[in-house]
Amino acid sequence: MTLIISVLTKEYAALVSDRRITWRVGDVIKRQEDTDIKTFMLNGQLIMGFTGLARIGDVRMERWMLDVLRGIPANEYLPTLTKEIGSAFRKYGHVGKLPHAFLGVGYSDTYPNGQPLGAVITNCTVVDEASEQPEFSTTKLAGEFSLYVESLGNRRAIIRSAGHPVRSSTMQALQHRIRVVTKGDPSNPRLAMGPLVTALRSTARLSSGSVGESALFSSLPHRAVPNPGVSIGNEVDFRTTSAALFLPGEERGLDNAVMYGPACISPYISVAGIRVYAGTPSTPLGGEEGWGQGSATQK
C-alpha cells in the first residue's frame, strides 16, 4: 500500500504521494515499480491522491476517473466517485479484501469566500473520527465506501495521511515543521514540500518496500481557485498558481527534477499523462518520450 500525505491551510493545499506500484500473487510480491501518478486535480479546486488499488480492471486509475466523471457536474464529483469506486470493487470481487482510499484537499469555491475543506473516500474503518487527527485503519475494512468531509474551521492547518501507517513521531515532526513554515510565510506552499517529502521518505524507509521514496508534490494556492491546470517548471510562482513536480529517488530540489503533471479533471476538459523532462528532449515533441506528451478529452 502506498502513502498519501496532505496539508490544508487557509492559504493553500498541498499533497505528496509516492509512485510505488506492487504486483502480488497471493501474499507474494512479484514486482515493484515507481511508475504511477497517484494525484489528480478536480475542477481546479481540489488536489486528490489515491492509495490501494492502482488499476480498475486493466485501466489505470487516472484514466478510469476521467471516464466515470465524464459529463458529471463538479459539485457531484465526490459522491459520484464514492458510488463508482464501490461499484467497481463489487464488479471485480475486491469487497472486503483490499483497502483503498482517496484523500483530497482544497476549497469549496473561489477566493476569498471558498471554504478550505478536506475529503476522504475509503472502504477502511475510521478510527476515532472526532479526534484532532482521525486515522483510517487499513486492517479493518468496511463493507462499502464512505465519504468523509471536514472543514478547516479555526485551525491553522490540517494534516492527513492515507495508506501505509505513519509513525506518530514522524507525524509530530511534520506537524511542527508545518507550523513553522506556515507561520513564517503562510501563502507559500513550496515551503511545505520539504516537510512533506521528508515524512514520506522517512515512512518509506521503514515500510519494507511498500512505499517508494520517489515523490510527486502538488500544490494549490487558494487565490488561484479555480485553476484549470498545473504549472510545471523551475520558475513557477507557487503562491499564485497550482504546481506539480516530481522528485525521483533522493532528489530534493528542482534543478534536475523530472516534472510530471497530475491528471486534471473538470466538466469542460480533462487531461492525463503529461510528462516534462529536464534537459533536452530525447524524441520530437509528441513522441513517446516527448516534452509535453499527454491525452486530453474535450467535453
Protein backbone atom coordinates (compact mmCIF):
# COMPACT_ATOMS: atom_id res chain seq x y z
CA MET A 1 0.00 0.00 0.00
CA THR A 2 1.31 3.41 -0.97
CA LEU A 3 1.17 6.64 1.03
CA ILE A 4 -0.57 10.00 0.54
CA ILE A 5 0.05 12.93 2.91
CA SER A 6 -1.76 16.27 2.67
CA VAL A 7 -1.66 19.72 4.25
CA LEU A 8 -4.58 22.15 4.19
CA THR A 9 -4.40 25.79 5.32
CA LYS A 10 -6.47 28.89 4.70
CA GLU A 11 -3.98 29.96 2.01
CA TYR A 12 -3.05 26.72 0.24
CA ALA A 13 -3.50 22.98 -0.14
CA ALA A 14 -0.55 20.65 -0.75
CA LEU A 15 -0.20 16.94 -1.21
CA VAL A 16 2.66 14.45 -1.62
CA SER A 17 2.45 10.86 -2.84
CA ASP A 18 4.87 8.13 -3.76
CA ARG A 19 4.74 6.28 -7.09
CA ARG A 20 5.17 2.69 -5.92
CA ILE A 21 3.04 0.03 -7.54
CA THR A 22 3.28 -3.59 -6.38
CA TRP A 23 2.19 -6.72 -8.22
CA ARG A 24 1.33 -9.65 -5.95
CA VAL A 25 0.29 -13.23 -6.40
CA GLY A 26 -1.47 -14.02 -3.14
CA ASP A 27 0.83 -12.66 -0.45
CA VAL A 28 3.97 -12.95 -2.60
CA ILE A 29 5.39 -9.77 -4.16
CA LYS A 30 6.33 -10.46 -7.77
CA ARG A 31 7.34 -7.00 -8.94
CA GLN A 32 7.53 -3.39 -7.74
CA GLU A 33 7.94 -0.23 -9.81
CA ASP A 34 7.84 3.53 -9.18
CA THR A 35 5.81 4.31 -12.27
CA ASP A 36 2.32 5.55 -11.37
CA ILE A 37 0.99 9.08 -10.97
CA LYS A 38 -1.36 8.96 -8.00
CA THR A 39 -2.67 12.54 -7.85
CA PHE A 40 -5.46 14.44 -9.61
CA MET A 41 -6.72 18.00 -9.82
CA LEU A 42 -10.51 18.11 -9.63
CA ASN A 43 -12.11 21.16 -11.27
CA GLY A 44 -9.17 23.35 -10.20
CA GLN A 45 -10.47 23.24 -6.62
CA LEU A 46 -9.24 20.02 -5.06
CA ILE A 47 -5.95 18.10 -5.14
CA MET A 48 -6.58 14.40 -4.61
CA GLY A 49 -4.37 11.33 -4.25
CA PHE A 50 -5.22 7.65 -4.03
CA THR A 51 -3.77 4.64 -2.27
CA GLY A 52 -4.67 0.99 -2.65
CA LEU A 53 -5.87 -0.44 -5.96
CA ALA A 54 -3.88 1.02 -8.88
CA ARG A 55 -5.92 -0.49 -11.73
CA ILE A 56 -9.64 -0.91 -12.29
CA GLY A 57 -9.61 -3.99 -14.46
CA ASP A 58 -6.63 -3.21 -16.69
CA VAL A 59 -7.26 0.56 -16.69
CA ARG A 60 -5.01 3.00 -14.82
CA MET A 61 -6.79 4.86 -12.07
CA GLU A 62 -6.47 8.31 -13.69
CA ARG A 63 -7.99 7.04 -16.94
CA TRP A 64 -10.80 5.32 -15.02
CA MET A 65 -11.55 8.57 -13.16
CA LEU A 66 -11.65 10.53 -16.41
CA ASP A 67 -14.25 8.08 -17.68
CA VAL A 68 -16.51 7.88 -14.60
CA LEU A 69 -16.55 11.67 -14.07
CA ARG A 70 -17.21 12.47 -17.72
CA GLY A 71 -20.27 14.71 -18.00
CA ILE A 72 -20.73 14.93 -14.21
CA PRO A 73 -21.16 18.40 -12.64
CA ALA A 74 -18.18 19.34 -10.49
CA ASN A 75 -20.27 19.60 -7.32
CA GLU A 76 -21.17 15.91 -7.74
CA TYR A 77 -17.61 14.62 -8.22
CA LEU A 78 -17.11 13.32 -4.67
CA PRO A 79 -20.43 11.45 -4.24
CA THR A 80 -20.12 10.09 -7.79
CA LEU A 81 -16.58 8.86 -7.14
CA THR A 82 -17.74 7.23 -3.89
CA LYS A 83 -20.52 5.40 -5.72
CA GLU A 84 -18.43 4.35 -8.72
CA ILE A 85 -15.42 3.02 -6.80
CA GLY A 86 -17.81 0.94 -4.71
CA SER A 87 -19.43 -0.45 -7.87
CA ALA A 88 -16.00 -1.26 -9.33
CA PHE A 89 -14.92 -3.11 -6.18
CA ARG A 90 -18.10 -5.20 -6.28
CA LYS A 91 -17.67 -5.91 -10.01
CA TYR A 92 -14.09 -7.18 -9.65
CA GLY A 93 -14.57 -9.03 -6.37
CA HIS A 94 -12.42 -6.74 -4.18
CA VAL A 95 -15.00 -6.05 -1.45
CA GLY A 96 -13.65 -6.97 1.97
CA LYS A 97 -10.23 -7.82 0.51
CA LEU A 98 -8.38 -4.64 -0.45
CA PRO A 99 -8.06 -1.35 1.49
CA HIS A 100 -8.39 1.74 -0.68
CA ALA A 101 -8.69 5.48 -0.12
CA PHE A 102 -8.88 8.78 -1.99
CA LEU A 103 -7.55 11.75 0.03
CA GLY A 104 -8.30 15.28 -1.18
CA VAL A 105 -7.72 18.85 0.00
CA GLY A 106 -8.84 22.15 -1.48
CA TYR A 107 -11.55 24.80 -1.48
CA SER A 108 -15.30 24.85 -1.89
CA ASP A 109 -15.33 27.95 -4.10
CA THR A 110 -13.22 30.81 -5.43
CA TYR A 111 -11.06 33.08 -3.29
CA PRO A 112 -11.71 34.60 -0.79
CA ASN A 113 -15.10 33.09 0.11
CA GLY A 114 -14.40 29.44 -0.66
CA GLN A 115 -14.04 27.34 2.46
CA PRO A 116 -10.94 25.14 2.95
CA LEU A 117 -12.04 21.53 3.08
CA GLY A 118 -10.63 18.03 3.18
CA ALA A 119 -12.26 14.85 1.90
CA VAL A 120 -11.60 11.13 2.27
CA ILE A 121 -13.34 8.36 0.33
CA THR A 122 -12.44 4.97 1.77
CA ASN A 123 -13.56 1.43 2.50
CA CYS A 124 -11.42 1.44 5.66
CA THR A 125 -12.83 1.79 9.15
CA VAL A 126 -12.46 5.27 10.63
CA VAL A 127 -10.65 5.24 13.97
CA ASP A 128 -11.85 8.00 16.32
CA GLU A 129 -13.37 10.19 13.61
CA ALA A 130 -13.99 13.07 16.05
CA SER A 131 -10.36 13.33 17.18
CA GLU A 132 -7.94 16.07 16.13
CA GLN A 133 -6.17 13.64 13.79
CA PRO A 134 -8.56 10.82 12.78
CA GLU A 135 -6.97 7.77 11.19
CA PHE A 136 -8.22 5.21 8.70
CA SER A 137 -7.41 1.65 9.68
CA THR A 138 -6.10 -0.38 6.74
CA THR A 139 -6.54 -3.58 8.74
CA LYS A 140 -10.29 -3.15 9.29
CA LEU A 141 -12.33 -2.95 6.12
CA ALA A 142 -15.89 -1.70 5.92
CA GLY A 143 -18.31 -3.34 3.53
CA GLU A 144 -18.80 -0.22 1.40
CA PHE A 145 -17.03 3.05 0.60
CA SER A 146 -17.97 6.17 2.55
CA LEU A 147 -17.27 9.86 2.01
CA TYR A 148 -15.94 11.98 4.90
CA VAL A 149 -15.68 15.77 4.55
CA GLU A 150 -14.23 18.23 7.08
CA SER A 151 -13.62 21.99 7.11
CA LEU A 152 -10.56 23.81 8.38
CA GLY A 153 -12.55 25.85 10.87
CA ASN A 154 -10.35 27.90 13.19
CA ARG A 155 -7.36 25.58 12.87
CA ARG A 156 -4.15 26.85 11.30
CA ALA A 157 -3.59 23.63 9.33
CA ILE A 158 -4.96 20.13 8.89
CA ILE A 159 -2.51 17.31 8.13
CA ARG A 160 -3.88 13.98 6.96
CA SER A 161 -2.42 10.73 5.66
CA ALA A 162 -3.92 7.72 3.93
CA GLY A 163 -2.39 4.39 3.08
CA HIS A 164 0.64 2.96 4.82
CA PRO A 165 0.65 3.91 8.54
CA VAL A 166 2.87 6.85 9.50
CA ARG A 167 4.67 6.68 12.84
CA SER A 168 3.38 9.08 15.47
CA SER A 169 6.89 10.56 15.85
CA THR A 170 7.04 11.23 12.10
CA MET A 171 3.61 12.87 12.14
CA GLN A 172 4.52 15.01 15.16
CA ALA A 173 7.70 16.18 13.45
CA LEU A 174 5.71 17.01 10.31
CA GLN A 175 3.14 18.97 12.29
CA HIS A 176 5.89 21.01 13.95
CA ARG A 177 7.61 21.79 10.64
CA ILE A 178 4.34 22.81 9.00
CA ARG A 179 3.56 25.13 11.92
CA VAL A 180 6.96 26.76 11.45
CA VAL A 181 6.69 27.29 7.68
CA THR A 182 3.07 28.47 7.75
CA LYS A 183 3.87 30.97 10.47
CA GLY A 184 6.90 32.28 8.60
CA ASP A 185 5.31 32.52 5.14
CA PRO A 186 1.65 31.44 5.21
CA SER A 187 0.99 31.89 1.48
CA ASN A 188 3.87 29.81 0.07
CA PRO A 189 3.07 26.10 -0.39
CA ARG A 190 6.55 25.39 -1.72
CA LEU A 191 7.81 25.62 1.87
CA ALA A 192 5.62 22.64 2.74
CA MET A 193 7.33 20.48 0.14
CA GLY A 194 10.40 19.66 2.25
CA PRO A 195 8.48 18.59 5.39
CA LEU A 196 6.01 16.50 3.36
CA VAL A 197 8.68 14.74 1.30
CA THR A 198 10.76 14.09 4.43
CA ALA A 199 7.77 12.47 6.15
CA LEU A 200 7.03 10.32 3.11
CA ARG A 201 10.63 9.14 2.73
CA SER A 202 11.01 8.50 6.45
CA THR A 203 7.99 6.23 6.24
CA ALA A 204 9.24 4.61 3.03
CA ARG A 205 12.49 3.53 4.67
CA LEU A 206 10.51 1.66 7.34
CA SER A 207 7.84 0.22 5.06
CA SER A 208 9.63 -2.94 3.83
CA GLY A 209 9.21 -1.72 0.27
CA SER A 210 5.51 -0.89 0.41
CA VAL A 211 6.16 2.84 -0.01
CA GLY A 212 8.55 4.27 -2.59
CA GLU A 213 10.92 7.19 -1.94
CA SER A 214 10.23 8.95 -5.25
CA ALA A 215 7.74 11.73 -4.52
CA LEU A 216 5.17 13.68 -6.51
CA PHE A 217 4.39 17.02 -4.85
CA SER A 218 1.34 19.06 -5.91
CA SER A 219 0.06 22.35 -4.53
CA LEU A 220 -2.91 24.66 -4.99
CA PRO A 221 -2.98 28.22 -3.57
CA HIS A 222 -6.44 29.38 -2.56
CA ARG A 223 -6.13 32.59 -4.58
CA ALA A 224 -5.75 30.50 -7.78
CA VAL A 225 -9.04 28.61 -7.36
CA PRO A 226 -10.43 27.54 -9.72
CA ASN A 227 -7.24 26.78 -11.66
CA PRO A 228 -7.81 24.77 -14.86
CA GLY A 229 -4.39 23.11 -14.83
CA VAL A 230 -0.96 22.97 -13.22
CA SER A 231 2.25 24.89 -13.89
CA ILE A 232 5.43 22.90 -14.36
CA GLY A 233 8.99 24.25 -14.29
CA ASN A 234 11.66 25.95 -12.22
CA GLU A 235 10.19 29.46 -12.42
CA VAL A 236 6.73 28.69 -11.09
CA ASP A 237 5.28 31.10 -8.53
CA PHE A 238 3.81 28.62 -6.05
CA ARG A 239 1.90 31.43 -4.29
CA THR A 240 -0.27 32.28 -7.29
CA THR A 241 -0.71 29.13 -9.37
CA SER A 242 -1.20 25.41 -8.89
CA ALA A 243 2.03 23.49 -9.41
CA ALA A 244 3.44 19.97 -9.57
CA LEU A 245 6.92 18.49 -9.52
CA PHE A 246 8.41 15.02 -9.31
CA LEU A 247 11.42 14.29 -7.09
CA PRO A 248 12.94 10.91 -8.03
CA GLY A 249 14.97 8.92 -5.52
CA GLU A 250 16.90 11.20 -3.19
CA GLU A 251 16.34 14.35 -5.28
CA ARG A 252 15.26 17.31 -3.13
CA GLY A 253 15.49 20.36 -5.40
CA LEU A 254 14.14 21.47 -8.75
CA ASP A 255 17.31 21.64 -10.84
CA ASN A 256 17.31 18.03 -12.04
CA ALA A 257 13.76 17.06 -11.16
CA VAL A 258 11.61 15.31 -13.72
CA MET A 259 8.40 17.31 -13.96
CA TYR A 260 5.09 15.46 -14.01
CA GLY A 261 1.60 16.89 -14.21
CA PRO A 262 -1.23 15.17 -12.32
CA ALA A 263 -4.40 14.42 -14.24
CA CYS A 264 -6.66 17.49 -14.42
CA ILE A 265 -10.38 16.72 -14.48
CA SER A 266 -13.19 19.24 -14.95
CA PRO A 267 -16.61 19.31 -16.65
CA TYR A 268 -15.03 21.14 -19.61
CA ILE A 269 -11.75 19.39 -20.36
CA SER A 270 -9.74 16.57 -18.82
CA VAL A 271 -6.06 15.82 -19.35
CA ALA A 272 -3.91 12.92 -18.15
CA GLY A 273 -0.42 11.62 -18.82
CA ILE A 274 1.59 14.84 -19.20
CA ARG A 275 5.33 14.44 -18.64
CA VAL A 276 8.11 17.04 -18.96
CA TYR A 277 11.79 16.13 -18.66
CA ALA A 278 14.75 18.27 -17.61
CA GLY A 279 17.44 18.82 -20.25
CA THR A 280 16.85 18.25 -23.95
CA PRO A 281 14.02 16.13 -25.33
CA SER A 282 15.05 12.63 -26.38
CA THR A 283 12.48 12.49 -29.21
CA PRO A 284 10.47 15.17 -31.03
CA LEU A 285 7.52 16.84 -29.37
CA GLY A 286 4.59 14.47 -29.27
CA GLY A 287 6.75 11.32 -29.44
CA GLU A 288 6.73 8.59 -26.83
CA GLU A 289 9.30 10.43 -24.69
CA GLY A 290 8.48 13.98 -25.73
CA TRP A 291 8.49 17.05 -23.51
CA GLY A 292 4.78 17.58 -23.33
CA GLN A 293 3.01 14.37 -24.10
CA GLY A 294 -0.47 13.72 -22.78
CA SER A 295 -4.01 12.73 -23.63
CA ALA A 296 -6.99 15.03 -23.43
CA THR A 297 -10.75 14.57 -23.51
CA GLN A 298 -12.70 17.62 -24.63
CA LYS A 299 -16.14 17.85 -23.06
